[in-house]
Protein backbone atom coordinates (compact mmCIF):
# COMPACT_ATOMS: atom_id res chain seq x y z
CA UNK A 1 24.33 -30.68 12.09
CA UNK A 2 24.21 -28.74 15.93
CA UNK A 3 20.63 -29.08 17.30
CA UNK A 4 19.01 -25.57 18.65
CA UNK A 5 16.58 -24.32 21.00
CA UNK A 6 14.22 -22.34 18.24
CA UNK A 7 11.45 -20.13 19.65
CA UNK A 8 8.77 -20.01 17.41
CA UNK A 9 6.46 -16.62 18.09
CA UNK A 10 3.35 -17.60 16.09
CA UNK A 11 3.77 -20.99 16.26
CA UNK A 12 -0.18 -21.81 16.55
CA UNK A 13 -0.80 -20.81 13.38
CA UNK A 14 -1.18 -22.44 9.81
CA UNK A 15 2.53 -21.45 8.82
CA UNK A 16 3.91 -21.78 12.30
CA UNK A 17 2.57 -25.17 12.80
CA UNK A 18 4.41 -26.36 9.73
CA UNK A 19 7.59 -24.43 10.73
CA UNK A 20 7.43 -26.34 14.30
CA UNK A 21 6.89 -30.11 12.77
CA UNK A 22 9.72 -29.22 10.38
CA UNK A 23 12.52 -28.01 12.79
CA UNK A 24 11.25 -30.72 14.82
CA UNK A 25 12.00 -33.33 12.53
CA UNK A 26 15.29 -32.04 12.37
CA UNK A 27 16.20 -32.93 15.27
CA UNK A 28 15.77 -29.21 17.08
CA UNK A 29 13.69 -28.39 20.06
CA UNK A 30 10.92 -26.10 19.48
CA UNK A 31 9.62 -23.85 21.93
CA UNK A 32 6.40 -21.76 21.01
CA UNK A 33 4.94 -18.49 22.43
CA UNK A 34 1.49 -18.90 24.12
CA UNK A 35 -0.46 -15.92 24.90
CA UNK A 36 -4.29 -17.38 25.40
CA UNK A 37 -4.96 -20.82 26.91
CA UNK A 38 -6.17 -21.72 24.05
CA UNK A 39 -2.91 -21.05 22.25
CA UNK A 40 -1.31 -23.16 25.37
CA UNK A 41 -3.80 -26.55 24.65
CA UNK A 42 -2.69 -25.98 20.94
CA UNK A 43 1.22 -26.50 21.98
CA UNK A 44 0.49 -28.75 24.59
CA UNK A 45 -1.87 -31.56 22.39
CA UNK A 46 1.13 -31.65 19.79
CA UNK A 47 3.74 -31.88 22.45
CA UNK A 48 5.57 -28.60 21.81
CA UNK A 49 7.41 -27.03 24.76
CA UNK A 50 5.98 -23.45 25.53
CA UNK A 51 6.33 -20.09 27.21
CA UNK A 52 3.78 -17.72 28.26
CA UNK A 53 4.43 -14.36 26.37
CA UNK A 54 2.46 -11.77 23.96
CA UNK A 55 3.98 -9.70 21.00
CA UNK A 56 1.83 -6.92 22.03
CA UNK A 57 3.48 -7.26 25.11
CA UNK A 58 7.12 -7.02 23.71
CA UNK A 59 9.19 -7.18 26.67
CA UNK A 60 7.42 -10.75 27.90
CA UNK A 61 9.78 -11.76 24.70
CA UNK A 62 13.22 -10.75 25.50
CA UNK A 63 13.64 -13.37 28.31
CA UNK A 64 12.76 -16.37 25.90
CA UNK A 65 14.41 -15.23 23.31
CA UNK A 66 17.59 -14.65 24.98
CA UNK A 67 17.48 -18.09 25.86
CA UNK A 68 16.94 -19.16 22.63
CA UNK A 69 19.73 -20.32 20.21
CA UNK A 70 17.41 -19.06 16.89
CA UNK A 71 13.80 -16.77 16.87
CA UNK A 72 11.26 -17.53 13.91
CA UNK A 73 8.81 -14.55 14.05
CA UNK A 74 5.98 -15.80 11.94
CA UNK A 75 2.93 -14.23 13.81
CA UNK A 76 0.19 -12.94 11.98
CA UNK A 77 -1.23 -9.74 13.52
CA UNK A 78 -4.82 -8.28 12.51
CA UNK A 79 -5.47 -5.77 14.73
CA UNK A 80 -5.33 -2.30 13.79
CA UNK A 81 -2.20 -1.66 15.21
CA UNK A 82 -0.54 -4.71 13.64
CA UNK A 83 2.56 -2.10 12.42
CA UNK A 84 3.37 -1.07 15.95
CA UNK A 85 3.04 -4.41 17.60
CA UNK A 86 5.34 -6.16 14.77
CA UNK A 87 7.86 -3.44 15.24
CA UNK A 88 8.16 -3.03 18.68
CA UNK A 89 8.36 -7.18 19.26
CA UNK A 90 11.20 -6.72 16.58
CA UNK A 91 13.05 -4.63 18.83
CA UNK A 92 12.49 -6.90 21.94
CA UNK A 93 14.45 -9.49 20.32
CA UNK A 94 17.18 -7.38 18.64
CA UNK A 95 17.60 -6.69 22.47
CA UNK A 96 17.52 -10.03 23.19
CA UNK A 97 20.02 -11.49 20.61
CA UNK A 98 22.38 -8.13 20.02
CA UNK A 99 25.93 -9.55 19.62
CA UNK A 100 25.03 -13.25 19.85
CA UNK A 101 25.64 -13.91 16.35
CA UNK A 102 22.16 -16.58 16.86
CA UNK A 103 19.54 -16.47 14.06
CA UNK A 104 16.60 -14.34 13.60
CA UNK A 105 13.93 -15.12 10.62
CA UNK A 106 10.73 -12.82 9.77
CA UNK A 107 8.20 -14.15 7.72
CA UNK A 108 7.07 -11.60 5.24
CA UNK A 109 5.34 -12.23 2.15
CA UNK A 110 5.90 -12.52 -1.92
CA UNK A 111 3.49 -10.02 -1.97
CA UNK A 112 5.96 -7.19 -1.61
CA UNK A 113 6.72 -7.52 -4.98
CA UNK A 114 3.01 -6.29 -6.13
CA UNK A 115 2.26 -7.11 -9.75
CA UNK A 116 5.17 -8.52 -11.42
CA UNK A 117 2.95 -9.81 -14.76
CA UNK A 118 5.16 -11.46 -17.55
CA UNK A 119 8.69 -10.44 -15.14
CA UNK A 120 9.45 -13.16 -13.11
CA UNK A 121 10.69 -11.31 -9.86
CA UNK A 122 13.61 -12.83 -7.61
CA UNK A 123 14.99 -11.53 -4.42
CA UNK A 124 16.97 -8.55 -6.18
CA UNK A 125 13.47 -7.50 -7.30
CA UNK A 126 11.98 -3.77 -6.65
CA UNK A 127 9.41 -4.17 -4.11
CA UNK A 128 5.88 -2.71 -5.47
CA UNK A 129 3.81 -3.63 -2.62
CA UNK A 130 0.04 -3.29 -2.20
CA UNK A 131 -1.19 -1.17 0.81
CA UNK A 132 -1.85 -4.25 2.77
CA UNK A 133 1.82 -5.48 2.11
CA UNK A 134 3.74 -2.10 2.56
CA UNK A 135 4.23 -2.19 6.18
CA UNK A 136 6.22 -5.66 5.78
CA UNK A 137 9.05 -3.65 3.78
CA UNK A 138 10.12 -2.04 7.43
CA UNK A 139 9.78 -5.33 9.15
CA UNK A 140 12.16 -6.64 6.57
CA UNK A 141 14.70 -4.04 6.69
CA UNK A 142 14.95 -4.18 10.48
CA UNK A 143 15.24 -7.89 10.41
CA UNK A 144 18.00 -7.54 7.52
CA UNK A 145 19.52 -4.68 9.33
CA UNK A 146 20.01 -6.90 12.53
CA UNK A 147 23.59 -8.21 10.87
CA UNK A 148 24.93 -4.93 12.14
CA UNK A 149 24.41 -5.77 15.63
CA UNK A 150 25.45 -9.43 15.87
CA UNK A 151 22.65 -11.39 14.58
CA UNK A 152 22.11 -13.54 11.82
CA UNK A 153 18.95 -11.94 10.12
CA UNK A 154 16.89 -13.53 7.31
CA UNK A 155 13.67 -12.79 5.68
CA UNK A 156 11.69 -15.63 4.04
CA UNK A 157 9.08 -14.31 1.46
CA UNK A 158 6.28 -17.14 1.30
CA UNK A 159 3.68 -17.32 -1.59
CA UNK A 160 0.06 -18.19 -0.71
CA UNK A 161 0.38 -21.27 1.23
CA UNK A 162 -1.68 -24.41 0.61
CA UNK A 163 -2.19 -27.66 1.37
CA UNK A 164 -4.02 -29.54 5.05
CA UNK A 165 -7.56 -28.17 3.57
CA UNK A 166 -6.59 -24.66 4.94
CA UNK A 167 -4.95 -21.51 4.07
CA UNK A 168 -6.11 -18.94 1.62
CA UNK A 169 -7.36 -21.69 -1.16
CA UNK A 170 -10.01 -22.97 1.06
CA UNK A 171 -11.92 -19.85 0.08
CA UNK A 172 -12.63 -21.30 -2.81
CA UNK A 173 -14.01 -24.84 -1.40
CA UNK A 174 -15.96 -22.62 0.77
CA UNK A 175 -17.66 -20.97 -1.47
CA UNK A 176 -18.22 -23.87 -3.89
CA UNK A 177 -19.60 -25.71 -1.04
CA UNK A 178 -21.99 -23.45 0.00
CA UNK A 179 -23.21 -21.50 -3.25
CA UNK A 180 -22.02 -24.20 -5.52
CA UNK A 181 -19.61 -21.90 -7.19
CA UNK A 182 -16.13 -21.07 -6.72
CA UNK A 183 -15.66 -17.40 -6.12
CA UNK A 184 -13.14 -15.59 -7.78
CA UNK A 185 -11.72 -12.29 -7.01
CA UNK A 186 -11.19 -10.42 -10.21
CA UNK A 187 -11.41 -11.39 -13.51
CA UNK A 188 -9.26 -14.85 -12.72
CA UNK A 189 -6.45 -14.23 -15.53
CA UNK A 190 -3.82 -13.38 -13.10
CA UNK A 191 -1.71 -15.78 -11.42
CA UNK A 192 -0.64 -16.89 -7.97
CA UNK A 193 2.84 -17.31 -6.81
CA UNK A 194 1.92 -20.37 -4.45
CA UNK A 195 3.82 -22.86 -1.79
CA UNK A 196 2.78 -26.15 -0.01
CA UNK A 197 2.68 -25.72 3.41
CA UNK A 198 4.95 -28.71 4.03
CA UNK A 199 7.57 -27.12 1.49
CA UNK A 200 7.69 -23.96 3.20
CA UNK A 201 8.08 -25.63 6.75
CA UNK A 202 11.22 -27.48 5.34
CA UNK A 203 12.56 -23.94 3.80
CA UNK A 204 12.23 -22.36 7.18
CA UNK A 205 13.85 -25.21 9.02
CA UNK A 206 16.89 -25.32 6.28
CA UNK A 207 17.11 -20.83 6.78
CA UNK A 208 17.20 -21.77 10.43
CA UNK A 209 20.57 -23.98 10.09
CA UNK A 210 22.09 -22.53 7.15
CA UNK A 211 20.54 -19.37 6.09
CA UNK A 212 22.84 -16.48 5.00
CA UNK A 213 22.37 -13.60 7.20
CA UNK A 214 21.26 -9.97 5.66
CA UNK A 215 19.57 -12.17 2.56
CA UNK A 216 16.16 -12.42 2.17
CA UNK A 217 14.66 -16.03 0.61
CA UNK A 218 11.61 -16.21 -1.99
CA UNK A 219 9.50 -19.29 -0.89
CA UNK A 220 7.19 -20.45 -4.15
CA UNK A 221 6.81 -23.26 -6.26
CA UNK A 222 7.18 -23.33 -10.20
CA UNK A 223 3.64 -23.46 -10.47
CA UNK A 224 2.00 -20.40 -12.91
CA UNK A 225 -1.44 -21.35 -12.53
CA UNK A 226 -4.32 -18.71 -13.51
CA UNK A 227 -6.79 -17.91 -10.32
CA UNK A 228 -9.47 -19.18 -12.79
CA UNK A 229 -7.83 -22.39 -12.93
CA UNK A 230 -7.36 -22.73 -9.47
CA UNK A 231 -10.77 -21.74 -8.65
CA UNK A 232 -12.27 -24.35 -11.07
CA UNK A 233 -10.41 -27.32 -9.71
CA UNK A 234 -11.78 -26.24 -6.17
CA UNK A 235 -15.11 -26.21 -7.66
CA UNK A 236 -14.62 -29.82 -9.20
CA UNK A 237 -13.08 -31.16 -6.13
CA UNK A 238 -16.03 -29.60 -4.02
CA UNK A 239 -18.46 -31.55 -6.08
CA UNK A 240 -19.41 -28.48 -8.31
CA UNK A 241 -18.59 -29.53 -11.29
CA UNK A 242 -15.85 -26.45 -12.14
CA UNK A 243 -18.63 -23.64 -11.88
CA UNK A 244 -16.98 -20.34 -10.95
CA UNK A 245 -18.30 -16.71 -10.61
CA UNK A 246 -16.45 -13.53 -10.36
CA UNK A 247 -16.74 -10.67 -7.81
CA UNK A 248 -15.00 -7.57 -8.03
CA UNK A 249 -11.82 -7.35 -6.44
CA UNK A 250 -12.49 -3.62 -4.30
CA UNK A 251 -15.40 -5.74 -2.91
CA UNK A 252 -12.85 -7.01 -0.05
CA UNK A 253 -10.38 -3.64 -0.09
CA UNK A 254 -7.05 -4.49 0.36
CA UNK A 255 -7.24 -7.83 0.96
CA UNK A 256 -8.81 -8.29 -2.90
CA UNK A 257 -5.88 -6.23 -3.95
CA UNK A 258 -3.72 -8.62 -3.02
CA UNK A 259 -5.79 -11.54 -4.24
CA UNK A 260 -5.77 -9.93 -7.71
CA UNK A 261 -2.12 -9.69 -7.80
CA UNK A 262 -0.48 -11.12 -11.16
CA UNK A 263 2.71 -12.58 -9.65
CA UNK A 264 5.46 -14.62 -11.45
CA UNK A 265 8.32 -15.36 -8.85
CA UNK A 266 11.77 -17.40 -8.88
CA UNK A 267 12.89 -19.28 -5.44
CA UNK A 268 16.52 -19.93 -7.08
CA UNK A 269 18.20 -18.47 -4.39
CA UNK A 270 16.92 -20.95 -1.70
CA UNK A 271 17.04 -24.05 -4.22
CA UNK A 272 21.30 -22.49 -4.67
CA UNK A 273 22.12 -21.26 -1.10
CA UNK A 274 20.13 -24.50 0.79
CA UNK A 275 19.55 -27.05 -1.28
CA UNK A 276 15.69 -26.56 -0.94
CA UNK A 277 13.35 -28.48 -3.42
CA UNK A 278 9.58 -28.22 -3.37
CA UNK A 279 8.19 -31.60 -3.41
CA UNK A 280 4.29 -30.82 -2.36
CA UNK A 281 1.55 -31.71 -4.76
CA UNK A 282 0.41 -28.97 -6.81
CA UNK A 283 -2.31 -26.79 -5.66
CA UNK A 284 -4.60 -27.72 -8.56
CA UNK A 285 -4.09 -31.53 -7.30
CA UNK A 286 -4.55 -30.54 -3.77
CA UNK A 287 -7.91 -29.04 -4.53
CA UNK A 288 -9.28 -31.81 -6.70
CA UNK A 289 -8.10 -34.76 -4.88
CA UNK A 290 -6.10 -33.98 -2.05
CA UNK A 291 -6.55 -32.66 1.82
CA UNK A 292 -9.11 -30.40 0.40
CA UNK A 293 -12.11 -32.60 -0.72
CA UNK A 294 -10.82 -35.05 2.18
CA UNK A 295 -11.37 -32.08 4.94
CA UNK A 296 -14.72 -31.18 3.29
CA UNK A 297 -15.58 -35.24 3.63
CA UNK A 298 -14.60 -35.29 7.23
CA UNK A 299 -16.82 -32.36 8.06
């Protein structure tokens, strides 16, 4: 294996931290982008090299990207101008890497498929994104088109990540602890595509090492739990006895629309191309007896 310097844009986030750990475990040297003192502190505390830069100031990314052997973009921009921030950041990275045949990995979302119902979606399935995920398709296209200018552009589409007591599933735990019921958005009969955070980090490391340029990879496990089953497990783990309550999906606007998606998604491409095998405990196990109850006890 050729060890690389990998620039992670979004290194301090939930997903970025897992990516950093997996790349480091494989012998790569990671460099995290820090735009604030808090980000710098987090990176220094875990021993990750850092560079002062900001995706909202795309010129600041060019030199760090040029020095890296690979770049991973896993930043979750939540501002109103998120689309332009992401778009301009990707353009800056493309300028830095053009003609080098270096790898660029963009983090999208499995939500781009929309509701799949009883059909299992794969990477060749037609996207049908809800509003909140629609902008991701443009960024995916930008990434995959980088192959035309000498960049190994690859896309990863994670399902709902869980583990370490964090991520979206922690919302169930919080409501169960505070109100003695785990709150379900929608009727709870829909199924989520999920992925353990450690497995997700491992897939990114494999993609950096050997991902095929111009391809998208789904990052999901084989579980197909209903949201009601997930919420009940969270309620049991939080000491609320499995009690749940429902709220309409539209109460959370576009985010609620995403949480109400009914998805079945395959990750066979990642398994076939990269030998990736998810090994984390299931989300149900994590919620009942894993990191989520442990986190609650520590609070």
